[in-house]
Amino acid sequence: MAIINLNCVVSGRNPENETFTIEISNDKKYELLKHMVKERLAPLFNSIPSFYVHPPM
């Protein structure tokens, strides 16, 4: 089991302020990654359903 580090940028925002890294093991499902991104960006994404969040693949 490996740990994957994903560098994420919020599109349309200042990249210096909206760049972050999420760690997830490679045996976790993509759906969990969407929830992790949404949680990391709270309260900014609180009103956005997780199916609108599109982490990199």
N, C-alpha and C. Protein backbone atom coordinates (compact mmCIF):
# COMPACT_ATOMS: atom_id res chain seq x y z
N MET A 1 0.85 -1.18 0.00
CA MET A 1 0.00 0.00 0.00
C MET A 1 0.89 1.24 0.00
N ALA A 2 0.73 2.08 -0.98
CA ALA A 2 1.51 3.31 -1.11
C ALA A 2 0.65 4.51 -0.77
N ILE A 3 1.30 5.56 -0.32
CA ILE A 3 0.62 6.83 -0.06
C ILE A 3 0.86 7.74 -1.25
N ILE A 4 -0.20 8.32 -1.76
CA ILE A 4 -0.14 9.23 -2.90
C ILE A 4 -0.35 10.64 -2.40
N ASN A 5 0.50 11.58 -2.83
CA ASN A 5 0.35 12.99 -2.52
C ASN A 5 -0.15 13.71 -3.76
N LEU A 6 -1.30 14.33 -3.67
CA LEU A 6 -1.87 15.08 -4.79
C LEU A 6 -1.79 16.57 -4.49
N ASN A 7 -1.16 17.31 -5.38
CA ASN A 7 -1.15 18.77 -5.27
C ASN A 7 -2.36 19.30 -6.02
N CYS A 8 -3.17 20.08 -5.34
CA CYS A 8 -4.43 20.57 -5.90
C CYS A 8 -4.43 22.09 -5.95
N VAL A 9 -5.08 22.64 -6.96
CA VAL A 9 -5.26 24.08 -7.12
C VAL A 9 -6.73 24.33 -7.38
N VAL A 10 -7.29 25.33 -6.70
CA VAL A 10 -8.68 25.70 -6.94
C VAL A 10 -8.72 26.58 -8.17
N SER A 11 -9.39 26.13 -9.21
CA SER A 11 -9.48 26.85 -10.48
C SER A 11 -10.15 28.20 -10.30
N GLY A 12 -9.57 29.23 -10.92
CA GLY A 12 -10.16 30.56 -10.88
C GLY A 12 -9.79 31.37 -9.66
N ARG A 13 -8.96 30.83 -8.79
CA ARG A 13 -8.55 31.53 -7.58
C ARG A 13 -7.05 31.81 -7.68
N ASN A 14 -6.53 32.60 -6.74
CA ASN A 14 -5.11 32.89 -6.68
C ASN A 14 -4.36 31.61 -6.32
N PRO A 15 -3.52 31.07 -7.21
CA PRO A 15 -2.85 29.79 -6.95
C PRO A 15 -1.97 29.80 -5.70
N GLU A 16 -1.40 30.94 -5.36
CA GLU A 16 -0.55 30.99 -4.17
C GLU A 16 -1.35 30.74 -2.90
N ASN A 17 -2.60 31.17 -2.89
CA ASN A 17 -3.44 31.02 -1.70
C ASN A 17 -4.27 29.75 -1.73
N GLU A 18 -4.50 29.17 -2.89
CA GLU A 18 -5.42 28.04 -3.02
C GLU A 18 -4.74 26.78 -3.53
N THR A 19 -3.47 26.59 -3.19
CA THR A 19 -2.76 25.37 -3.52
C THR A 19 -2.62 24.55 -2.24
N PHE A 20 -2.93 23.26 -2.32
CA PHE A 20 -2.84 22.42 -1.13
C PHE A 20 -2.53 20.99 -1.56
N THR A 21 -2.08 20.18 -0.62
CA THR A 21 -1.74 18.79 -0.87
C THR A 21 -2.66 17.89 -0.06
N ILE A 22 -3.11 16.82 -0.68
CA ILE A 22 -3.91 15.81 0.01
C ILE A 22 -3.18 14.48 -0.10
N GLU A 23 -3.07 13.78 1.02
CA GLU A 23 -2.47 12.44 1.04
C GLU A 23 -3.58 11.40 1.12
N ILE A 24 -3.45 10.37 0.29
CA ILE A 24 -4.43 9.28 0.30
C ILE A 24 -3.70 8.01 -0.10
N SER A 25 -4.09 6.89 0.49
CA SER A 25 -3.45 5.62 0.11
C SER A 25 -4.05 5.13 -1.21
N ASN A 26 -3.26 4.38 -1.95
CA ASN A 26 -3.70 3.97 -3.28
C ASN A 26 -4.79 2.90 -3.25
N ASP A 27 -5.16 2.41 -2.08
CA ASP A 27 -6.25 1.43 -2.01
C ASP A 27 -7.60 2.08 -1.68
N LYS A 28 -7.64 3.41 -1.58
CA LYS A 28 -8.89 4.12 -1.30
C LYS A 28 -9.61 4.45 -2.59
N LYS A 29 -10.90 4.61 -2.51
CA LYS A 29 -11.72 4.89 -3.68
C LYS A 29 -11.69 6.38 -4.03
N TYR A 30 -11.92 6.65 -5.32
CA TYR A 30 -11.95 8.02 -5.84
C TYR A 30 -13.01 8.86 -5.12
N GLU A 31 -14.13 8.27 -4.78
CA GLU A 31 -15.22 8.99 -4.11
C GLU A 31 -14.74 9.57 -2.78
N LEU A 32 -13.89 8.85 -2.05
CA LEU A 32 -13.34 9.35 -0.79
C LEU A 32 -12.48 10.58 -1.04
N LEU A 33 -11.74 10.59 -2.12
CA LEU A 33 -10.89 11.73 -2.46
C LEU A 33 -11.73 12.99 -2.65
N LYS A 34 -12.88 12.86 -3.29
CA LYS A 34 -13.77 14.01 -3.49
C LYS A 34 -14.21 14.59 -2.15
N HIS A 35 -14.53 13.73 -1.20
CA HIS A 35 -14.94 14.20 0.13
C HIS A 35 -13.78 14.84 0.88
N MET A 36 -12.57 14.32 0.69
CA MET A 36 -11.39 14.89 1.34
C MET A 36 -11.11 16.30 0.82
N VAL A 37 -11.26 16.50 -0.49
CA VAL A 37 -11.05 17.83 -1.08
C VAL A 37 -12.10 18.79 -0.53
N LYS A 38 -13.33 18.38 -0.51
CA LYS A 38 -14.41 19.24 -0.01
C LYS A 38 -14.18 19.60 1.45
N GLU A 39 -13.77 18.64 2.26
CA GLU A 39 -13.50 18.89 3.68
C GLU A 39 -12.34 19.85 3.85
N ARG A 40 -11.30 19.69 3.03
CA ARG A 40 -10.11 20.54 3.12
C ARG A 40 -10.45 21.99 2.78
N LEU A 41 -11.42 22.20 1.90
CA LEU A 41 -11.77 23.55 1.45
C LEU A 41 -12.96 24.14 2.21
N ALA A 42 -13.40 23.50 3.27
CA ALA A 42 -14.48 24.07 4.09
C ALA A 42 -13.97 25.37 4.72
N PRO A 43 -14.76 26.38 4.83
CA PRO A 43 -16.17 26.51 4.50
C PRO A 43 -16.43 26.94 3.06
N LEU A 44 -15.37 27.11 2.26
CA LEU A 44 -15.52 27.58 0.88
C LEU A 44 -16.45 26.68 0.07
N PHE A 45 -16.37 25.37 0.26
CA PHE A 45 -17.16 24.42 -0.52
C PHE A 45 -18.36 23.86 0.23
N ASN A 46 -18.72 24.42 1.36
CA ASN A 46 -19.82 23.87 2.16
C ASN A 46 -21.13 23.78 1.40
N SER A 47 -21.40 24.71 0.52
CA SER A 47 -22.68 24.72 -0.19
C SER A 47 -22.63 23.95 -1.52
N ILE A 48 -21.49 23.33 -1.83
CA ILE A 48 -21.33 22.61 -3.09
C ILE A 48 -21.41 21.11 -2.83
N PRO A 49 -22.32 20.40 -3.48
CA PRO A 49 -22.39 18.94 -3.32
C PRO A 49 -21.10 18.28 -3.81
N SER A 50 -20.69 17.20 -3.18
CA SER A 50 -19.40 16.58 -3.51
C SER A 50 -19.35 16.04 -4.94
N PHE A 51 -20.51 15.78 -5.57
CA PHE A 51 -20.45 15.30 -6.96
C PHE A 51 -20.03 16.41 -7.93
N TYR A 52 -19.98 17.68 -7.49
CA TYR A 52 -19.46 18.77 -8.32
C TYR A 52 -17.96 18.97 -8.14
N VAL A 53 -17.36 18.30 -7.17
CA VAL A 53 -15.93 18.40 -6.92
C VAL A 53 -15.23 17.40 -7.84
N HIS A 54 -14.24 17.87 -8.61
CA HIS A 54 -13.55 17.02 -9.57
C HIS A 54 -12.05 17.03 -9.30
N PRO A 55 -11.57 16.18 -8.38
CA PRO A 55 -10.13 16.09 -8.14
C PRO A 55 -9.43 15.51 -9.37
N PRO A 56 -8.11 15.71 -9.46
CA PRO A 56 -7.38 15.17 -10.61
C PRO A 56 -7.42 13.65 -10.61
N MET A 57 -7.36 13.07 -11.80
CA MET A 57 -7.33 11.60 -11.91
C MET A 57 -6.02 11.19 -12.54
